[in-house]
Protein backbone atom coordinates (compact mmCIF):
# COMPACT_ATOMS: atom_id res chain seq x y z
CA MET A 1 45.57 20.94 -86.84
CA SER A 2 47.63 21.60 -89.67
CA ILE A 3 48.14 24.74 -91.53
CA MET A 4 47.24 23.51 -94.95
CA GLN A 5 43.78 21.97 -93.20
CA MET A 6 43.27 25.73 -92.24
CA ILE A 7 44.27 26.96 -95.55
CA SER A 8 41.94 24.41 -97.76
CA TRP A 9 39.37 25.30 -94.86
CA LYS A 10 39.19 28.71 -95.38
CA ALA A 11 39.06 28.03 -99.60
CA ILE A 12 35.86 26.04 -98.99
CA PHE A 13 34.31 28.23 -96.75
CA GLY A 14 35.31 31.67 -98.33
CA LYS A 15 32.52 33.27 -98.09
CA ILE A 16 31.47 32.45 -94.65
CA ASN A 17 33.06 35.27 -92.34
CA ASN A 18 35.59 34.91 -90.08
CA SER A 19 33.47 34.52 -86.74
CA ILE A 20 31.48 31.66 -87.97
CA LEU A 21 34.83 30.19 -89.66
CA PHE A 22 36.45 29.97 -85.97
CA ILE A 23 33.37 29.31 -84.28
CA PHE A 24 33.51 25.99 -86.61
CA VAL A 25 36.69 25.18 -86.06
CA ILE A 26 36.48 25.52 -82.23
CA LEU A 27 33.42 22.93 -82.25
CA PHE A 28 35.25 20.62 -84.48
CA PHE A 29 38.12 21.11 -81.84
CA LEU A 30 35.75 20.06 -78.94
CA PHE A 31 34.16 17.22 -81.23
CA SER A 32 37.12 15.37 -82.11
CA GLU A 33 38.78 15.63 -78.22
CA THR A 34 35.29 14.17 -77.04
CA ILE A 35 36.00 11.26 -79.25
CA ALA A 36 39.46 10.88 -78.30
CA LYS A 37 38.52 10.86 -74.56
CA ASP A 38 35.56 8.38 -75.28
CA ASN A 39 37.97 5.61 -75.11
CA LYS A 40 35.95 3.37 -72.27
CA ILE A 41 37.01 0.00 -70.07
CA LEU A 42 34.29 -1.86 -71.43
CA LEU A 43 35.60 -5.60 -69.97
CA LYS A 44 38.08 -7.23 -68.33
CA VAL A 45 39.72 -10.60 -68.30
CA ASN A 46 41.51 -10.84 -64.78
CA ASN A 47 43.30 -7.71 -64.83
CA GLU A 48 43.62 -7.14 -68.66
CA ILE A 49 41.26 -5.12 -69.72
CA ILE A 50 39.84 -4.28 -73.28
CA THR A 51 38.34 -0.81 -74.17
CA SER A 52 36.19 1.08 -76.88
CA ILE A 53 38.99 1.81 -78.69
CA ASP A 54 40.79 -2.39 -78.49
CA ILE A 55 37.19 -3.19 -79.64
CA LEU A 56 37.47 -0.24 -83.10
CA LYS A 57 41.21 -1.48 -83.80
CA GLU A 58 40.04 -5.10 -83.86
CA ILE A 59 37.00 -4.69 -86.16
CA GLU A 60 39.54 -2.70 -88.60
CA TYR A 61 41.71 -5.64 -88.52
CA LEU A 62 39.37 -8.22 -89.22
CA SER A 63 37.57 -6.23 -92.04
CA ILE A 64 41.17 -6.30 -93.25
CA ILE A 65 41.96 -9.28 -92.94
CA ASN A 66 38.32 -11.51 -93.88
CA ASP A 67 36.13 -9.75 -96.62
CA GLN A 68 33.52 -11.18 -95.41
CA PHE A 69 33.73 -10.10 -91.93
CA LYS A 70 33.24 -6.36 -94.10
CA LYS A 71 29.51 -7.65 -94.89
CA THR A 72 28.30 -8.31 -91.30
CA GLU A 73 26.29 -5.69 -89.58
CA LYS A 74 27.86 -3.21 -86.90
CA LYS A 75 26.34 -5.19 -84.15
CA LEU A 76 27.77 -8.09 -84.81
CA GLN A 77 31.31 -6.81 -86.08
CA ILE A 78 31.36 -5.65 -82.60
CA LYS A 79 30.41 -9.03 -80.91
CA ILE A 80 33.28 -10.86 -82.96
CA ALA A 81 35.60 -8.56 -82.33
CA LYS A 82 34.79 -8.94 -78.38
CA ASN A 83 34.79 -12.49 -78.39
CA SER A 84 38.55 -12.47 -80.16
CA LEU A 85 39.96 -10.33 -77.91
CA ILE A 86 38.57 -12.23 -75.22
CA LYS A 87 40.11 -14.97 -76.40
CA GLU A 88 43.35 -13.45 -76.85
CA LYS A 89 43.72 -11.81 -73.49
CA ILE A 90 43.37 -15.44 -72.59
CA LYS A 91 46.58 -16.04 -74.34
CA VAL A 92 48.35 -13.40 -72.40
CA ILE A 93 47.61 -14.44 -69.51
CA GLU A 94 48.60 -17.78 -69.80
CA LEU A 95 51.81 -16.53 -71.45
CA GLN A 96 53.33 -14.09 -69.76
CA LYS A 97 53.44 -17.26 -66.87
CA TYR A 98 56.64 -18.13 -69.26
CA ASN A 99 57.47 -15.15 -71.03
CA GLN A 100 56.53 -11.58 -69.85
CA SER A 101 57.65 -8.99 -72.79
CA LEU A 102 55.52 -11.89 -75.41
CA LYS A 103 57.75 -10.82 -78.35
CA ILE A 104 59.92 -12.98 -80.81
CA ASN A 105 62.35 -12.69 -82.68
CA GLU A 106 62.37 -10.57 -86.55
CA LYS A 107 63.62 -13.36 -88.02
CA LEU A 108 60.76 -15.80 -86.69
CA LEU A 109 58.24 -13.07 -86.70
CA GLU A 110 59.07 -12.35 -90.71
CA GLU A 111 58.56 -16.05 -91.30
CA VAL A 112 55.22 -16.13 -89.57
CA VAL A 113 54.07 -12.97 -90.95
CA ILE A 114 54.59 -14.51 -94.94
CA ARG A 115 52.82 -17.42 -93.85
CA TYR A 116 49.89 -16.16 -92.62
CA PHE A 117 49.07 -13.17 -94.28
CA SER A 118 50.30 -15.14 -97.81
CA ASP A 119 46.74 -14.68 -99.31
CA LEU A 120 47.05 -10.97 -99.13
CA ASN A 121 50.12 -11.27 -101.24
CA ILE A 122 52.69 -10.37 -98.54
CA ASN A 123 56.00 -11.87 -99.40
CA SER A 124 58.10 -10.38 -96.95
CA LEU A 125 58.53 -8.05 -93.50
CA SER A 126 58.35 -4.46 -95.61
CA GLU A 127 55.27 -5.71 -98.02
CA PHE A 128 54.00 -6.92 -94.59
CA GLU A 129 54.66 -2.88 -92.85
CA LEU A 130 53.64 -1.44 -96.17
CA PHE A 131 50.85 -3.02 -96.41
CA PHE A 132 48.75 -2.05 -93.21
CA LYS A 133 50.56 0.88 -93.20
CA ASN A 134 48.63 1.74 -96.37
CA ASN A 135 45.04 0.46 -94.71
CA LYS A 136 45.71 2.81 -91.81
CA ILE A 137 46.66 0.15 -89.06
CA GLU A 138 49.42 0.20 -87.06
CA THR A 139 52.07 -2.48 -87.70
CA SER A 140 53.05 -2.48 -84.42
CA PHE A 141 49.27 -3.07 -83.06
CA VAL A 142 49.84 -6.57 -85.96
CA LYS A 143 52.98 -7.99 -84.92
CA LYS A 144 51.59 -8.28 -80.95
CA LYS A 145 49.09 -10.15 -82.60
CA VAL A 146 50.92 -12.19 -84.82
CA SER A 147 53.76 -12.51 -81.55
CA ILE A 148 51.23 -13.85 -79.28
CA GLU A 149 49.48 -16.52 -81.67
CA THR A 150 53.35 -18.00 -82.42
CA LEU A 151 53.99 -17.82 -78.49
CA TRP A 152 50.34 -19.80 -78.19
CA ASN A 153 51.18 -22.18 -80.80
CA GLN A 154 54.74 -23.19 -79.47
CA LEU A 155 53.56 -23.28 -76.14
CA ILE A 156 50.85 -25.75 -77.04
CA TYR A 157 53.60 -27.63 -79.12
CA ASN A 158 55.97 -27.93 -76.11
CA LYS A 159 52.76 -29.03 -73.75
CA PHE A 160 51.05 -31.58 -76.08
CA GLN A 161 53.49 -32.79 -79.09
CA LYS A 162 54.05 -35.69 -77.31
CA ASN A 163 50.33 -36.64 -77.40
CA VAL A 164 50.25 -36.24 -81.10
CA LYS A 165 49.80 -40.03 -82.89
CA ILE A 166 50.71 -39.84 -86.49
CA ASN A 167 51.43 -43.64 -88.49
CA GLN A 168 53.67 -43.05 -91.46
CA ASP A 169 54.10 -46.30 -92.24
CA GLU A 170 50.57 -46.30 -93.38
CA ILE A 171 50.62 -42.53 -94.79
CA LYS A 172 53.67 -43.59 -97.06
CA ASN A 173 51.99 -47.11 -98.28
CA ILE A 174 48.72 -44.84 -99.02
CA ILE A 175 50.94 -42.38 -100.69
CA SER A 176 53.25 -45.03 -102.98
CA SER A 177 49.68 -46.70 -104.34
CA LYS A 178 48.59 -43.63 -105.53
CA LYS A 179 48.87 -42.00 -109.25
CA VAL A 180 45.95 -39.32 -108.83
CA LEU A 181 46.24 -36.92 -105.83
CA LYS A 182 42.56 -35.57 -105.07
CA GLU A 183 42.49 -32.26 -102.87
CA TYR A 184 39.61 -30.11 -101.24
CA LEU A 185 39.08 -26.97 -100.71
CA LEU A 186 37.78 -26.33 -97.21
CA SER A 187 36.43 -24.49 -94.63
CA GLU A 188 35.65 -25.32 -91.03
CA LEU A 189 33.64 -24.60 -88.34
CA VAL A 190 34.90 -25.97 -84.57
CA MET A 191 32.24 -25.80 -82.06
CA SER A 192 33.17 -26.28 -78.08
CA VAL A 193 30.63 -28.32 -76.20
CA ASP A 194 30.03 -27.50 -72.61
CA LYS A 195 27.55 -30.35 -70.98
CA ASN A 196 25.36 -27.06 -70.33
CA ASP A 197 24.84 -26.75 -73.70
CA ASP A 198 21.39 -27.51 -75.55
CA LEU A 199 23.28 -29.30 -78.40
CA ILE A 200 20.44 -29.58 -80.63
CA LYS A 201 19.27 -25.75 -80.55
CA LYS A 202 22.74 -24.74 -81.04
CA ILE A 203 23.57 -26.86 -84.11
CA GLU A 204 20.00 -25.02 -85.31
CA LEU A 205 20.97 -21.93 -84.23
CA VAL A 206 24.36 -22.53 -86.93
CA LYS A 207 22.47 -23.86 -89.41
CA ASN A 208 20.37 -20.96 -89.70
CA THR A 209 23.26 -18.43 -89.74
CA ILE A 210 24.83 -20.84 -92.44
CA SER A 211 21.45 -20.61 -95.05
CA GLU A 212 20.40 -17.26 -94.12
CA LYS A 213 23.80 -15.53 -94.26
CA SER A 214 26.75 -17.61 -95.26
CA PHE A 215 28.75 -20.21 -93.62
CA SER A 216 31.76 -17.87 -93.80
CA GLU A 217 29.88 -15.26 -91.53
CA ALA A 218 28.55 -18.44 -89.18
CA ALA A 219 32.09 -19.44 -88.77
CA LEU A 220 32.76 -15.78 -87.45
CA ILE A 221 30.71 -16.08 -84.97
CA TYR A 222 30.32 -19.37 -83.83
CA SER A 223 33.95 -20.91 -84.57
CA ASN A 224 36.87 -21.68 -82.03
CA SER A 225 39.45 -22.40 -84.71
CA VAL A 226 41.99 -19.95 -85.28
CA SER A 227 40.80 -20.23 -88.74
CA ALA A 228 37.74 -18.38 -87.82
CA LYS A 229 38.66 -15.20 -87.76
CA LYS A 230 39.62 -15.83 -92.11
CA GLY A 231 35.91 -17.21 -92.14
CA GLY A 232 37.17 -20.91 -91.67
CA LYS A 233 38.65 -21.03 -94.77
CA LEU A 234 41.66 -23.44 -95.19
CA GLY A 235 43.12 -23.78 -98.42
CA TRP A 236 43.17 -27.10 -100.34
CA ILE A 237 43.71 -30.06 -98.33
CA LYS A 238 44.98 -33.20 -99.23
CA GLU A 239 42.53 -36.09 -99.32
CA ASP A 240 45.29 -38.40 -97.46
CA ALA A 241 45.65 -35.95 -94.48
CA LEU A 242 42.31 -36.25 -93.79
CA ASN A 243 41.14 -39.16 -91.09
CA ASP A 244 38.97 -42.12 -92.26
CA LYS A 245 35.52 -40.82 -90.89
CA ILE A 246 36.03 -37.00 -91.87
CA LYS A 247 36.43 -38.59 -95.58
CA ARG A 248 33.25 -40.35 -95.23
CA GLU A 249 31.52 -37.48 -94.26
CA LEU A 250 32.85 -35.42 -97.15
CA ASN A 251 32.32 -38.28 -99.62
CA LEU A 252 28.31 -37.54 -98.96
CA ILE A 253 28.19 -34.04 -99.81
CA SER A 254 29.11 -31.78 -102.67
CA ILE A 255 30.69 -28.34 -103.69
CA ASN A 256 29.01 -25.95 -101.76
CA LYS A 257 27.70 -28.48 -99.32
CA TYR A 258 28.39 -29.29 -95.47
CA THR A 259 28.91 -31.85 -93.59
CA ASN A 260 26.73 -33.08 -90.13
CA PRO A 261 28.33 -32.39 -87.12
CA ILE A 262 31.46 -34.56 -86.89
CA VAL A 263 32.47 -35.51 -83.22
CA ILE A 264 36.34 -34.35 -82.65
CA PRO A 265 37.96 -33.74 -78.74
CA GLY A 266 36.03 -30.90 -77.12
CA GLY A 267 33.51 -30.41 -79.52
CA LEU A 268 32.13 -30.51 -83.16
CA LEU A 269 33.51 -29.88 -86.69
CA ILE A 270 31.09 -29.04 -89.54
CA LEU A 271 33.00 -28.90 -92.90
CA LYS A 272 31.98 -27.03 -96.14
CA ILE A 273 33.50 -27.94 -99.62
CA ASP A 274 34.63 -25.01 -101.44
CA ASP A 275 35.95 -27.25 -104.63
CA VAL A 276 37.42 -30.22 -105.27
CA ARG A 277 40.81 -30.52 -107.97
CA GLU A 278 42.61 -34.67 -108.98
CA ILE A 279 45.93 -33.87 -109.42
CA ASP A 280 47.52 -36.34 -111.83
CA LYS A 281 51.39 -35.67 -111.69
CA LYS A 282 54.26 -37.82 -110.59
CA ILE A 283 54.25 -37.50 -107.32
CA ASN A 284 57.51 -36.64 -104.81
CA ILE A 285 56.63 -39.40 -102.05
CA GLU A 286 58.81 -37.82 -99.44
CA ASN A 287 57.44 -34.71 -100.10
CA GLU A 288 53.61 -35.43 -100.01
CA ILE A 289 54.49 -37.64 -96.88
CA LYS A 290 55.98 -34.36 -95.42
CA ILE A 291 53.10 -32.45 -96.24
CA ILE A 292 50.22 -35.08 -95.07
CA ILE A 293 52.20 -35.55 -91.79
CA ASP A 294 52.41 -31.65 -90.98
CA LYS A 295 48.92 -31.84 -91.71
CA LYS A 296 47.85 -34.41 -89.05
CA THR A 297 49.93 -33.04 -86.85
CA ASN A 298 48.78 -29.26 -87.33
CA ASP A 299 45.08 -30.66 -86.89
CA GLN A 300 45.58 -32.70 -83.72
CA LEU A 301 47.84 -29.83 -81.88
CA ASN A 302 44.46 -27.45 -82.95
CA ARG A 303 42.67 -29.75 -80.88
CA PHE A 304 44.65 -29.84 -78.00
CA SER A 305 44.65 -26.02 -78.32
CA THR A 306 41.14 -25.90 -78.05
CA LEU A 307 41.15 -28.00 -75.25
CA TYR A 308 43.62 -26.23 -73.64
CA LEU A 309 41.97 -22.95 -73.90
CA ASN A 310 38.57 -23.96 -72.70
CA LYS A 311 40.03 -25.46 -69.74
CA ILE A 312 41.87 -22.57 -68.56
CA LYS A 313 39.32 -20.16 -69.69
CA LYS A 314 37.55 -21.60 -66.65
CA ASN A 315 39.80 -19.97 -64.31
CA ILE A 316 39.50 -16.55 -65.86
CA PHE A 317 37.51 -13.77 -64.25
CA ILE A 318 36.03 -11.92 -67.24
CA ASN A 319 33.53 -9.03 -66.31
CA GLU A 320 31.30 -6.51 -68.84
CA ILE A 321 31.81 -3.31 -67.26
């Protein structure tokens, strides 16, 4: 305890005699020590542990990057944080086969941080550090999370990039013939499907959560996508970056509605239209082609990521203590 804290306490309790004040201070120290010791191991993911403090830190982090998460009830926050940490620990176990330190260079870290936290108006590593410091979250904690996700994405790219199928000529022909670009502001919910799942019950559970709570909260609870931490938000997506099946489903619904479950490799996808816009302007064909190729590539790699995570999870021992 600092001297200033002692002075302020004496100012507040000026009318209380010294012995009572002494007892009060002793009780405060005992209470603080109890909290410090109450860091219990809750789960083991192979040899990786998840403690009660880990859960609290994850809740604080998710509350900052997703406004919807703040509105969820405490019990649900704990469940979401626990599932998020389990996925992260599984990734760590796999990544340590290739990179024990789990570190990336500072330049790459800055690029990823700016891209990932752009919606928080973070445009540099210094702004990132100041933002999380002001929100009382250790930047080393966030940097580690960003590094794990970056290394995981690199691993998925190295393993599966040869399996990505993009028809560049088809994209070029479509873009060249267009004068108006249509874009969707989308949110997604990606569900993995296991052979033992009661699919109808699972879908009904998701739909009920969307109706009673919100799409964002349903994504937080049930989605396996990286976007889940941000309530499933994908941002603006060009219509031409979507496959025909998804475009057909989106054409059936209006703003603030969501699609029927769409079958994708390894699971089901539900999309919600948050907004739609059309851009009438001169199109930089080469730039548009690159944007669409990047989006289609990322979509396919994200699917491979989900499939691979589910595959290695089967060989992971998760024990709740």
